[in-house]
Amino acid sequence: MMPAPQESVNNAEQIQDQPPREITQTDHINKKLLTSLFNRMNEGDSLLNKMLEDDNKTEESDEWKD
């Protein structure tokens, strides 16, 4: 069953009444770790693409074509 609209309004009010959450050192560390992870993933993707481009340009790949 779908909740009544009145209930969702009360939930929104309860969320607004909560005090703001403090940003901790752990939050800062997590952000740095995630940023580093995503940057390395992007670098890995570009490195992989470069490696694959080089393979496609070599004459050796022609020997497999019939």
N, C-alpha and C. Protein backbone atom coordinates (compact mmCIF):
# COMPACT_ATOMS: atom_id res chain seq x y z
N MET A 1 0.83 -1.19 0.00
CA MET A 1 0.00 0.00 0.00
C MET A 1 0.87 1.25 0.00
N MET A 2 0.38 2.25 -0.62
CA MET A 2 1.09 3.53 -0.65
C MET A 2 0.81 4.30 0.64
N PRO A 3 1.83 4.94 1.22
CA PRO A 3 1.58 5.73 2.43
C PRO A 3 0.75 6.96 2.10
N ALA A 4 0.00 7.39 3.05
CA ALA A 4 -0.82 8.58 2.85
C ALA A 4 0.09 9.80 2.70
N PRO A 5 -0.30 10.77 1.88
CA PRO A 5 0.53 11.97 1.69
C PRO A 5 0.85 12.69 2.99
N GLN A 6 -0.08 12.66 3.93
CA GLN A 6 0.13 13.34 5.22
C GLN A 6 1.36 12.78 5.93
N GLU A 7 1.56 11.46 5.85
CA GLU A 7 2.69 10.84 6.52
C GLU A 7 4.01 11.31 5.91
N SER A 8 4.07 11.44 4.59
CA SER A 8 5.31 11.87 3.96
C SER A 8 5.64 13.32 4.32
N VAL A 9 4.63 14.14 4.51
CA VAL A 9 4.86 15.52 4.93
C VAL A 9 5.45 15.53 6.33
N ASN A 10 4.93 14.69 7.22
CA ASN A 10 5.47 14.63 8.57
C ASN A 10 6.92 14.17 8.56
N ASN A 11 7.27 13.20 7.71
CA ASN A 11 8.64 12.73 7.62
C ASN A 11 9.57 13.84 7.16
N ALA A 12 9.14 14.63 6.20
CA ALA A 12 9.95 15.74 5.71
C ALA A 12 10.17 16.77 6.81
N GLU A 13 9.16 17.02 7.60
CA GLU A 13 9.30 17.97 8.71
C GLU A 13 10.27 17.42 9.75
N GLN A 14 10.22 16.14 10.03
CA GLN A 14 11.12 15.53 11.01
C GLN A 14 12.57 15.64 10.53
N ILE A 15 12.80 15.44 9.25
CA ILE A 15 14.16 15.53 8.70
C ILE A 15 14.67 16.96 8.83
N GLN A 16 13.82 17.93 8.55
CA GLN A 16 14.24 19.33 8.65
C GLN A 16 14.50 19.74 10.09
N ASP A 17 13.83 19.11 11.04
CA ASP A 17 14.01 19.46 12.45
C ASP A 17 15.30 18.89 13.03
N GLN A 18 15.90 17.91 12.36
CA GLN A 18 17.14 17.32 12.87
C GLN A 18 18.28 18.31 12.73
N PRO A 19 19.18 18.33 13.72
CA PRO A 19 20.32 19.25 13.62
C PRO A 19 21.25 18.79 12.49
N PRO A 20 21.96 19.72 11.88
CA PRO A 20 22.87 19.33 10.80
C PRO A 20 23.99 18.43 11.32
N ARG A 21 24.43 17.53 10.50
CA ARG A 21 25.45 16.58 10.89
C ARG A 21 26.83 17.24 10.76
N GLU A 22 27.69 17.02 11.76
CA GLU A 22 29.04 17.56 11.71
C GLU A 22 29.88 16.77 10.73
N ILE A 23 30.74 17.47 10.00
CA ILE A 23 31.66 16.80 9.10
C ILE A 23 32.90 16.43 9.92
N THR A 24 33.23 15.15 9.90
CA THR A 24 34.32 14.65 10.73
C THR A 24 35.58 14.44 9.90
N GLN A 25 36.68 14.12 10.59
CA GLN A 25 37.93 13.81 9.90
C GLN A 25 37.75 12.59 9.00
N THR A 26 36.96 11.65 9.46
CA THR A 26 36.71 10.45 8.67
C THR A 26 36.04 10.81 7.34
N ASP A 27 35.12 11.77 7.37
CA ASP A 27 34.47 12.21 6.13
C ASP A 27 35.50 12.77 5.15
N HIS A 28 36.43 13.58 5.66
CA HIS A 28 37.47 14.16 4.80
C HIS A 28 38.37 13.07 4.22
N ILE A 29 38.75 12.11 5.05
CA ILE A 29 39.60 11.02 4.59
C ILE A 29 38.87 10.18 3.54
N ASN A 30 37.61 9.88 3.80
CA ASN A 30 36.82 9.10 2.84
C ASN A 30 36.72 9.82 1.50
N LYS A 31 36.54 11.14 1.53
CA LYS A 31 36.45 11.90 0.30
C LYS A 31 37.76 11.83 -0.48
N LYS A 32 38.88 11.96 0.24
CA LYS A 32 40.19 11.88 -0.43
C LYS A 32 40.41 10.50 -1.03
N LEU A 33 40.04 9.47 -0.27
CA LEU A 33 40.22 8.10 -0.77
C LEU A 33 39.37 7.84 -2.01
N LEU A 34 38.12 8.28 -1.98
CA LEU A 34 37.24 8.09 -3.13
C LEU A 34 37.73 8.87 -4.34
N THR A 35 38.18 10.09 -4.13
CA THR A 35 38.70 10.91 -5.22
C THR A 35 39.90 10.23 -5.85
N SER A 36 40.80 9.73 -5.01
CA SER A 36 41.98 9.04 -5.50
C SER A 36 41.59 7.78 -6.28
N LEU A 37 40.66 7.02 -5.75
CA LEU A 37 40.20 5.80 -6.41
C LEU A 37 39.63 6.11 -7.78
N PHE A 38 38.75 7.11 -7.87
CA PHE A 38 38.12 7.45 -9.15
C PHE A 38 39.15 7.96 -10.14
N ASN A 39 40.12 8.75 -9.67
CA ASN A 39 41.17 9.24 -10.57
C ASN A 39 42.00 8.09 -11.12
N ARG A 40 42.34 7.13 -10.26
CA ARG A 40 43.14 5.98 -10.71
C ARG A 40 42.33 5.12 -11.68
N MET A 41 41.03 5.00 -11.44
CA MET A 41 40.19 4.23 -12.36
C MET A 41 40.16 4.90 -13.72
N ASN A 42 40.05 6.23 -13.74
CA ASN A 42 40.03 6.96 -15.01
C ASN A 42 41.37 6.82 -15.73
N GLU A 43 42.48 6.91 -14.98
CA GLU A 43 43.79 6.75 -15.58
C GLU A 43 43.95 5.34 -16.13
N GLY A 44 43.44 4.36 -15.41
CA GLY A 44 43.52 2.98 -15.85
C GLY A 44 42.75 2.77 -17.14
N ASP A 45 41.59 3.40 -17.26
CA ASP A 45 40.79 3.29 -18.48
C ASP A 45 41.54 3.89 -19.66
N SER A 46 42.16 5.07 -19.46
CA SER A 46 42.86 5.70 -20.57
C SER A 46 44.12 4.91 -20.92
N LEU A 47 44.79 4.33 -19.94
CA LEU A 47 45.97 3.51 -20.21
C LEU A 47 45.56 2.27 -20.99
N LEU A 48 44.47 1.65 -20.60
CA LEU A 48 43.98 0.47 -21.31
C LEU A 48 43.62 0.82 -22.74
N ASN A 49 42.96 1.95 -22.94
CA ASN A 49 42.60 2.37 -24.30
C ASN A 49 43.85 2.59 -25.16
N LYS A 50 44.89 3.19 -24.56
CA LYS A 50 46.13 3.41 -25.31
C LYS A 50 46.77 2.08 -25.69
N MET A 51 46.77 1.15 -24.76
CA MET A 51 47.36 -0.15 -25.04
C MET A 51 46.59 -0.85 -26.17
N LEU A 52 45.29 -0.77 -26.14
CA LEU A 52 44.49 -1.41 -27.18
C LEU A 52 44.67 -0.73 -28.53
N GLU A 53 44.82 0.59 -28.54
CA GLU A 53 45.04 1.31 -29.80
C GLU A 53 46.36 0.87 -30.43
N ASP A 54 47.41 0.73 -29.62
CA ASP A 54 48.70 0.30 -30.13
C ASP A 54 48.61 -1.09 -30.73
N ASP A 55 47.87 -1.99 -30.11
CA ASP A 55 47.72 -3.34 -30.63
C ASP A 55 47.02 -3.33 -31.98
N ASN A 56 46.07 -2.45 -32.15
CA ASN A 56 45.30 -2.41 -33.39
C ASN A 56 46.11 -1.80 -34.54
N LYS A 57 47.16 -1.04 -34.23
CA LYS A 57 47.94 -0.36 -35.25
C LYS A 57 49.11 -1.21 -35.76
N THR A 58 49.46 -2.26 -35.06
CA THR A 58 50.62 -3.04 -35.45
C THR A 58 50.30 -3.93 -36.65
N GLU A 59 51.35 -4.29 -37.36
CA GLU A 59 51.20 -5.17 -38.51
C GLU A 59 50.96 -6.61 -38.07
N GLU A 60 51.38 -6.94 -36.85
CA GLU A 60 51.20 -8.29 -36.36
C GLU A 60 49.72 -8.67 -36.34
N SER A 61 48.86 -7.71 -36.07
CA SER A 61 47.44 -8.03 -36.03
C SER A 61 46.93 -8.42 -37.42
N ASP A 62 47.64 -7.99 -38.49
CA ASP A 62 47.23 -8.33 -39.85
C ASP A 62 47.43 -9.81 -40.15
N GLU A 63 48.40 -10.45 -39.50
CA GLU A 63 48.65 -11.86 -39.77
C GLU A 63 47.48 -12.73 -39.34
N TRP A 64 46.65 -12.24 -38.45
CA TRP A 64 45.50 -13.01 -37.98
C TRP A 64 44.29 -12.85 -38.89
N LYS A 65 44.36 -11.87 -39.77
CA LYS A 65 43.25 -11.64 -40.70
C LYS A 65 43.39 -12.57 -41.90
N ASP A 66 42.30 -13.12 -42.35
CA ASP A 66 42.32 -13.99 -43.55
C ASP A 66 41.48 -13.42 -44.64
